[in-house]
Amino acid sequence: MDEQNYPQSGLVQAFVLDGQGGARSIGYEQLQGLQLADHESLWLHWDRGHPQTSAWLRENSDLSEFACDLLLEENTRPRLLNLAQQQLLLFLRGVNLNPGAEPEDMVSVRIHAEPHRVISLRLRPLRATEELIAQFQRGEGPCDAAQLVLELAYQLTARVEGLLDELAEQLDSEEEQLDSDERYVPDHDLILHLRRRAAGLRRFLAPQRELFAQLARSGFGDGDQWNELNNRLMRYLEELEMVRERVGLVLESEERRMSDKMNRTMYLLGIITGLFLPMSFLTGLLGINVGGIPGSESEHGFLLTCALIGALVVFQVWLFRRLRWL
């Protein structure tokens, strides 16, 4: 089920988790006076750009002014803040899979988590929340608030793998063509675009890895699972660094090939110049318009001159081969 919009309230989704992997959806009007059982948890997912969201957070959420200000900030990076009374603020980033968007233009989700309540805010739709809703429908979703936050972080992180595979496939194609065809010229715009994408992803994912490590130590949820998520993100960061290195190698290989080609061309030009320079000197000398030029009166003078030039060429070829220039 896709996200449903509630234009009057700014509430995108609201679920009461039953503690067994299922959840029931509720509307905005049911939030007032809602009572949860001991085994239940509440997940409220809001549109951060809706004006009613800010009003509800400040007036009805029971959150501090400090927490509300942070949740409604315009620009923020991945971060974790531990608040009083087993509350935490968590800001995560994920790959942007919305139509027409660049994947490295990361989407942000802000989360306020308590033992029995999770409040999340997004500006653009998230595929991760759609997957969570599908899990609830199958009865396989998170059982409590801590598992909900963990699963949301997992879904945001897992989508990086598909983008990494795409980057690697594009690089593989360029490397294969570069190795198989000496005349192939890599698409420099594509190569540089891949490097920019890898750098943009790494910029936001690197601090998120440290954030997962802090959550593993915080006691919020299953520390082993947070550690596993941290290790997975570390592997993604290593692959992103490998993508950047491979881009550098492709560009370096192309530069080396162009340099070798230029050197070979200049070498051949030098050999040709070396062959013709003595002949040019000889013909120029014999072409001086003064008296006493040898063979000027002989009817075989031209043939003798050609034979002399031919002998000179043969001698030069022998000399260049002996010197291993050819």
Protein backbone atom coordinates (compact mmCIF):
# COMPACT_ATOMS: atom_id res chain seq x y z
CA MET A 1 0.00 0.00 0.00
CA ASP A 2 1.42 3.40 -0.99
CA GLU A 3 1.57 6.36 1.34
CA GLN A 4 -1.78 8.08 1.71
CA ASN A 5 -1.90 11.82 2.16
CA TYR A 6 -4.12 13.59 4.66
CA PRO A 7 -4.07 17.15 3.22
CA GLN A 8 -5.88 18.72 6.15
CA SER A 9 -3.65 17.35 8.89
CA GLY A 10 -0.25 16.59 7.33
CA LEU A 11 -0.43 13.04 8.71
CA VAL A 12 0.76 10.58 6.05
CA GLN A 13 0.34 7.34 8.00
CA ALA A 14 -0.61 6.34 11.52
CA PHE A 15 -0.38 2.78 12.84
CA VAL A 16 -0.88 1.09 16.18
CA LEU A 17 1.51 -1.88 16.40
CA ASP A 18 -0.04 -4.92 18.04
CA GLY A 19 3.27 -6.35 19.30
CA GLN A 20 3.02 -9.46 17.10
CA GLY A 21 4.10 -8.10 13.69
CA GLY A 22 0.78 -6.61 12.67
CA ALA A 23 -0.68 -3.12 12.94
CA ARG A 24 -3.95 -1.31 12.47
CA SER A 25 -4.20 1.98 10.63
CA ILE A 26 -5.87 4.94 12.34
CA GLY A 27 -6.82 8.44 11.20
CA TYR A 28 -5.89 11.87 12.49
CA GLU A 29 -9.16 12.28 14.36
CA GLN A 30 -8.44 9.14 16.40
CA LEU A 31 -5.21 10.52 17.87
CA GLN A 32 -7.06 12.62 20.41
CA GLY A 33 -7.46 10.57 23.56
CA LEU A 34 -5.89 7.44 22.06
CA GLN A 35 -5.05 4.86 24.72
CA LEU A 36 -2.46 2.15 24.04
CA ALA A 37 -2.29 -1.26 25.68
CA ASP A 38 0.96 -2.27 27.35
CA HIS A 39 1.99 -4.39 24.37
CA GLU A 40 1.08 -1.77 21.74
CA SER A 41 3.16 1.01 20.17
CA LEU A 42 2.20 3.98 18.02
CA TRP A 43 3.86 5.07 14.77
CA LEU A 44 2.99 8.50 13.36
CA HIS A 45 4.46 9.40 9.97
CA TRP A 46 4.12 13.08 9.02
CA ASP A 47 4.70 15.31 5.99
CA ARG A 48 7.30 17.81 7.24
CA GLY A 49 6.30 20.38 4.60
CA HIS A 50 2.68 20.57 5.75
CA PRO A 51 1.93 23.55 8.03
CA GLN A 52 -0.36 21.48 10.26
CA THR A 53 2.52 19.15 11.09
CA SER A 54 4.40 21.91 12.89
CA ALA A 55 1.25 22.94 14.75
CA TRP A 56 0.54 19.38 15.93
CA LEU A 57 4.14 18.79 17.05
CA ARG A 58 4.26 21.95 19.14
CA GLU A 59 0.74 21.73 20.59
CA ASN A 60 -0.22 18.05 20.84
CA SER A 61 2.88 15.85 20.72
CA ASP A 62 4.13 16.55 24.28
CA LEU A 63 7.63 17.03 22.83
CA SER A 64 9.93 19.74 24.13
CA GLU A 65 10.42 22.94 22.17
CA PHE A 66 14.03 21.88 21.57
CA ALA A 67 12.98 18.55 20.04
CA CYS A 68 10.35 20.21 17.86
CA ASP A 69 12.86 22.77 16.57
CA LEU A 70 15.30 20.02 15.58
CA LEU A 71 12.63 17.91 13.89
CA LEU A 72 11.50 20.89 11.81
CA GLU A 73 14.95 22.15 10.80
CA GLU A 74 15.33 22.89 7.09
CA ASN A 75 18.75 21.33 6.60
CA THR A 76 20.35 18.66 8.70
CA ARG A 77 22.87 15.83 8.47
CA PRO A 78 22.64 12.30 9.91
CA ARG A 79 22.84 12.63 13.68
CA LEU A 80 21.74 11.05 16.93
CA LEU A 81 20.72 12.84 20.12
CA ASN A 82 19.83 11.07 23.35
CA LEU A 83 17.13 12.98 25.23
CA ALA A 84 15.75 12.48 28.71
CA GLN A 85 13.31 9.72 29.68
CA GLN A 86 14.51 7.11 27.16
CA GLN A 87 13.87 9.35 24.18
CA LEU A 88 16.13 9.89 21.20
CA LEU A 89 16.22 11.96 18.04
CA LEU A 90 17.52 10.21 14.95
CA PHE A 91 18.11 11.81 11.56
CA LEU A 92 18.70 9.38 8.68
CA ARG A 93 19.30 9.65 4.96
CA GLY A 94 18.36 7.24 2.20
CA VAL A 95 18.63 6.88 -1.56
CA ASN A 96 16.09 8.97 -3.45
CA LEU A 97 14.08 6.55 -5.62
CA ASN A 98 11.30 8.99 -6.48
CA PRO A 99 10.53 9.39 -10.23
CA GLY A 100 12.72 11.96 -11.95
CA ALA A 101 15.10 12.32 -9.00
CA GLU A 102 18.80 11.54 -8.84
CA PRO A 103 19.42 8.64 -6.39
CA GLU A 104 22.35 10.46 -4.77
CA ASP A 105 20.01 13.38 -3.97
CA MET A 106 19.34 11.75 -0.61
CA VAL A 107 15.98 11.84 1.11
CA SER A 108 15.85 12.61 4.81
CA VAL A 109 13.71 11.16 7.58
CA ARG A 110 13.65 12.63 11.10
CA ILE A 111 12.62 10.31 13.93
CA HIS A 112 11.65 10.88 17.54
CA ALA A 113 11.55 7.54 19.33
CA GLU A 114 10.20 6.56 22.73
CA PRO A 115 9.57 3.09 24.23
CA HIS A 116 6.00 3.01 22.86
CA ARG A 117 5.86 5.78 20.27
CA VAL A 118 7.71 6.73 17.09
CA ILE A 119 7.18 10.03 15.31
CA SER A 120 8.78 10.29 11.88
CA LEU A 121 8.84 13.21 9.45
CA ARG A 122 9.67 13.21 5.76
CA LEU A 123 9.59 15.86 3.03
CA ARG A 124 9.49 13.49 0.06
CA PRO A 125 7.92 10.01 -0.19
CA LEU A 126 10.02 7.11 1.11
CA ARG A 127 10.06 3.61 -0.35
CA ALA A 128 11.25 2.39 3.05
CA THR A 129 7.96 3.31 4.73
CA GLU A 130 6.02 1.60 1.93
CA GLU A 131 7.94 -1.60 2.64
CA LEU A 132 7.16 -1.30 6.36
CA ILE A 133 3.46 -0.94 5.61
CA ALA A 134 3.59 -4.03 3.39
CA GLN A 135 5.21 -5.96 6.25
CA PHE A 136 2.40 -4.93 8.60
CA GLN A 137 -0.15 -6.16 6.09
CA ARG A 138 1.57 -9.57 5.99
CA GLY A 139 1.80 -9.67 9.78
CA GLU A 140 5.62 -9.66 9.58
CA GLY A 141 6.33 -6.12 10.66
CA PRO A 142 8.19 -4.75 13.71
CA CYS A 143 6.70 -5.57 17.09
CA ASP A 144 7.65 -2.44 19.03
CA ALA A 145 9.08 1.06 18.62
CA ALA A 146 12.74 -0.03 18.79
CA GLN A 147 12.25 -2.66 16.08
CA LEU A 148 10.35 -0.13 13.98
CA VAL A 149 13.27 2.33 14.04
CA LEU A 150 15.72 -0.48 13.29
CA GLU A 151 13.67 -1.76 10.34
CA LEU A 152 13.27 1.76 8.95
CA ALA A 153 17.04 2.28 9.14
CA TYR A 154 17.58 -1.12 7.52
CA GLN A 155 15.22 -0.36 4.61
CA LEU A 156 16.90 3.01 3.99
CA THR A 157 20.34 1.40 3.99
CA ALA A 158 19.43 -1.65 1.90
CA ARG A 159 18.47 0.52 -1.07
CA VAL A 160 22.05 1.71 -1.40
CA GLU A 161 23.05 -1.75 -2.65
CA GLY A 162 21.02 -1.45 -5.86
CA LEU A 163 22.63 1.88 -6.66
CA LEU A 164 26.10 0.45 -6.00
CA ASP A 165 25.38 -2.41 -8.41
CA GLU A 166 24.32 0.12 -11.05
CA LEU A 167 27.50 2.15 -10.62
CA ALA A 168 29.65 -0.99 -10.75
CA GLU A 169 27.94 -2.25 -13.93
CA GLN A 170 28.53 1.06 -15.71
CA LEU A 171 32.18 1.00 -14.69
CA ASP A 172 32.54 -2.64 -15.74
CA SER A 173 31.22 -1.78 -19.20
CA GLU A 174 33.68 1.08 -19.61
CA GLU A 175 36.62 -1.03 -18.38
CA GLU A 176 35.78 -3.95 -20.67
CA GLN A 177 35.56 -1.75 -23.76
CA LEU A 178 38.75 0.04 -22.79
CA ASP A 179 40.61 -3.29 -22.46
CA SER A 180 39.19 -4.90 -25.62
CA ASP A 181 39.41 -1.97 -28.04
CA GLU A 182 42.54 0.17 -28.19
CA ARG A 183 40.72 2.80 -30.20
CA TYR A 184 37.85 3.09 -27.72
CA VAL A 185 37.58 6.45 -25.98
CA PRO A 186 35.78 6.32 -22.59
CA ASP A 187 32.78 8.55 -22.01
CA HIS A 188 34.47 11.12 -19.78
CA ASP A 189 31.18 12.80 -18.87
CA LEU A 190 29.80 9.46 -17.67
CA ILE A 191 32.97 8.61 -15.76
CA LEU A 192 33.04 11.96 -13.97
CA HIS A 193 29.30 11.66 -13.26
CA LEU A 194 29.90 8.28 -11.62
CA ARG A 195 32.62 9.77 -9.45
CA ARG A 196 30.36 12.65 -8.39
CA ARG A 197 27.57 10.21 -7.51
CA ALA A 198 29.90 8.05 -5.44
CA ALA A 199 31.28 11.10 -3.63
CA GLY A 200 27.77 12.43 -2.92
CA LEU A 201 26.61 9.12 -1.47
CA ARG A 202 29.70 8.74 0.67
CA ARG A 203 29.29 12.26 2.02
CA PHE A 204 26.00 11.38 3.75
CA LEU A 205 26.51 7.68 4.44
CA ALA A 206 29.86 8.00 6.24
CA PRO A 207 28.45 9.86 9.28
CA GLN A 208 25.48 7.48 9.30
CA ARG A 209 27.82 4.54 9.95
CA GLU A 210 29.05 6.18 13.16
CA LEU A 211 25.43 6.85 14.07
CA PHE A 212 24.62 3.12 13.85
CA ALA A 213 27.64 2.34 16.01
CA GLN A 214 26.32 4.75 18.66
CA LEU A 215 22.89 3.09 18.55
CA ALA A 216 24.51 -0.31 19.08
CA ARG A 217 26.06 1.03 22.30
CA SER A 218 23.02 3.01 23.43
CA GLY A 219 20.87 0.03 24.45
CA PHE A 220 18.02 1.16 22.19
CA GLY A 221 16.79 -2.02 20.53
CA ASP A 222 18.91 -5.03 19.61
CA GLY A 223 22.57 -4.02 19.73
CA ASP A 224 23.63 -6.99 17.60
CA GLN A 225 21.30 -5.97 14.81
CA TRP A 226 22.53 -2.38 14.94
CA ASN A 227 26.08 -3.75 14.72
CA GLU A 228 25.11 -5.83 11.70
CA LEU A 229 23.59 -2.77 10.05
CA ASN A 230 26.75 -0.84 10.86
CA ASN A 231 28.88 -3.54 9.21
CA ARG A 232 26.65 -3.56 6.14
CA LEU A 233 26.94 0.19 5.76
CA MET A 234 30.71 -0.06 6.23
CA ARG A 235 30.83 -2.52 3.32
CA TYR A 236 28.80 -0.11 1.17
CA LEU A 237 31.22 2.71 2.02
CA GLU A 238 34.17 0.51 1.06
CA GLU A 239 32.49 -0.27 -2.27
CA LEU A 240 31.87 3.43 -2.86
CA GLU A 241 35.55 4.10 -2.20
CA MET A 242 36.38 1.29 -4.65
CA VAL A 243 34.15 2.94 -7.26
CA ARG A 244 36.06 6.19 -6.85
CA GLU A 245 39.39 4.36 -7.17
CA ARG A 246 38.23 2.50 -10.27
CA VAL A 247 37.12 5.77 -11.86
CA GLY A 248 40.60 7.13 -11.17
CA LEU A 249 42.17 4.03 -12.74
CA VAL A 250 40.00 4.32 -15.87
CA LEU A 251 40.95 7.98 -16.30
CA GLU A 252 44.61 7.19 -15.59
CA SER A 253 44.58 4.33 -18.10
CA GLU A 254 43.05 6.53 -20.78
CA GLU A 255 45.58 9.28 -20.07
CA ARG A 256 48.43 6.76 -20.29
CA ARG A 257 47.10 5.39 -23.56
CA MET A 258 46.83 8.86 -25.05
CA SER A 259 50.33 9.67 -23.87
CA ASP A 260 51.71 6.45 -25.37
CA LYS A 261 49.94 7.15 -28.64
CA MET A 262 51.33 10.66 -28.74
CA ASN A 263 54.83 9.40 -27.95
CA ARG A 264 54.64 6.81 -30.75
CA THR A 265 53.46 9.44 -33.19
CA MET A 266 56.26 11.81 -32.23
CA TYR A 267 58.77 8.95 -32.47
CA LEU A 268 57.67 8.07 -36.00
CA LEU A 269 57.80 11.71 -37.00
CA GLY A 270 61.32 11.89 -35.60
CA ILE A 271 62.42 8.80 -37.58
CA ILE A 272 60.91 10.16 -40.79
CA THR A 273 62.57 13.52 -40.20
CA GLY A 274 65.89 11.76 -39.57
CA LEU A 275 65.58 9.88 -42.86
CA PHE A 276 64.74 12.89 -44.99
CA LEU A 277 67.05 15.43 -43.36
CA PRO A 278 70.30 14.21 -45.06
CA MET A 279 68.47 13.86 -48.40
CA SER A 280 67.10 17.38 -48.06
CA PHE A 281 70.60 18.64 -47.27
CA LEU A 282 72.07 16.85 -50.31
CA THR A 283 69.39 17.99 -52.77
CA GLY A 284 69.57 21.50 -51.37
CA LEU A 285 73.33 21.56 -51.79
CA LEU A 286 73.15 20.30 -55.36
CA GLY A 287 70.43 22.78 -56.17
CA ILE A 288 72.62 25.82 -55.54
CA ASN A 289 72.54 27.96 -58.67
CA VAL A 290 76.31 28.48 -58.98
CA GLY A 291 78.96 27.04 -61.22
CA GLY A 292 80.96 23.93 -60.42
CA ILE A 293 78.07 21.72 -59.36
CA PRO A 294 79.27 18.09 -59.81
CA GLY A 295 77.53 16.27 -62.63
CA SER A 296 75.84 19.34 -64.05
CA GLU A 297 77.39 18.66 -67.45
CA SER A 298 76.95 14.90 -67.35
CA GLU A 299 73.96 13.24 -68.99
CA HIS A 300 73.96 10.67 -66.18
CA GLY A 301 74.16 13.24 -63.40
CA PHE A 302 70.50 12.83 -62.31
CA LEU A 303 70.75 9.04 -62.17
CA LEU A 304 73.97 9.25 -60.21
CA THR A 305 72.37 11.66 -57.75
CA CYS A 306 69.33 9.35 -57.30
CA ALA A 307 71.64 6.39 -56.75
CA LEU A 308 73.58 8.39 -54.16
CA ILE A 309 70.39 9.35 -52.36
CA GLY A 310 69.17 5.70 -52.47
CA ALA A 311 72.48 4.51 -51.02
CA LEU A 312 72.18 7.15 -48.30
CA VAL A 313 68.68 5.90 -47.40
CA VAL A 314 69.87 2.29 -47.24
CA PHE A 315 72.75 3.32 -45.00
CA GLN A 316 70.44 5.26 -42.68
CA VAL A 317 67.99 2.34 -42.38
CA TRP A 318 70.92 0.01 -41.56
CA LEU A 319 72.25 2.48 -39.01
CA PHE A 320 68.86 3.04 -37.34
CA ARG A 321 68.27 -0.70 -37.08
CA ARG A 322 71.72 -1.21 -35.61
CA LEU A 323 71.00 1.49 -33.06
CA ARG A 324 67.59 -0.19 -32.47
CA TRP A 325 65.66 2.90 -33.39
CA LEU A 326 63.59 0.82 -35.81
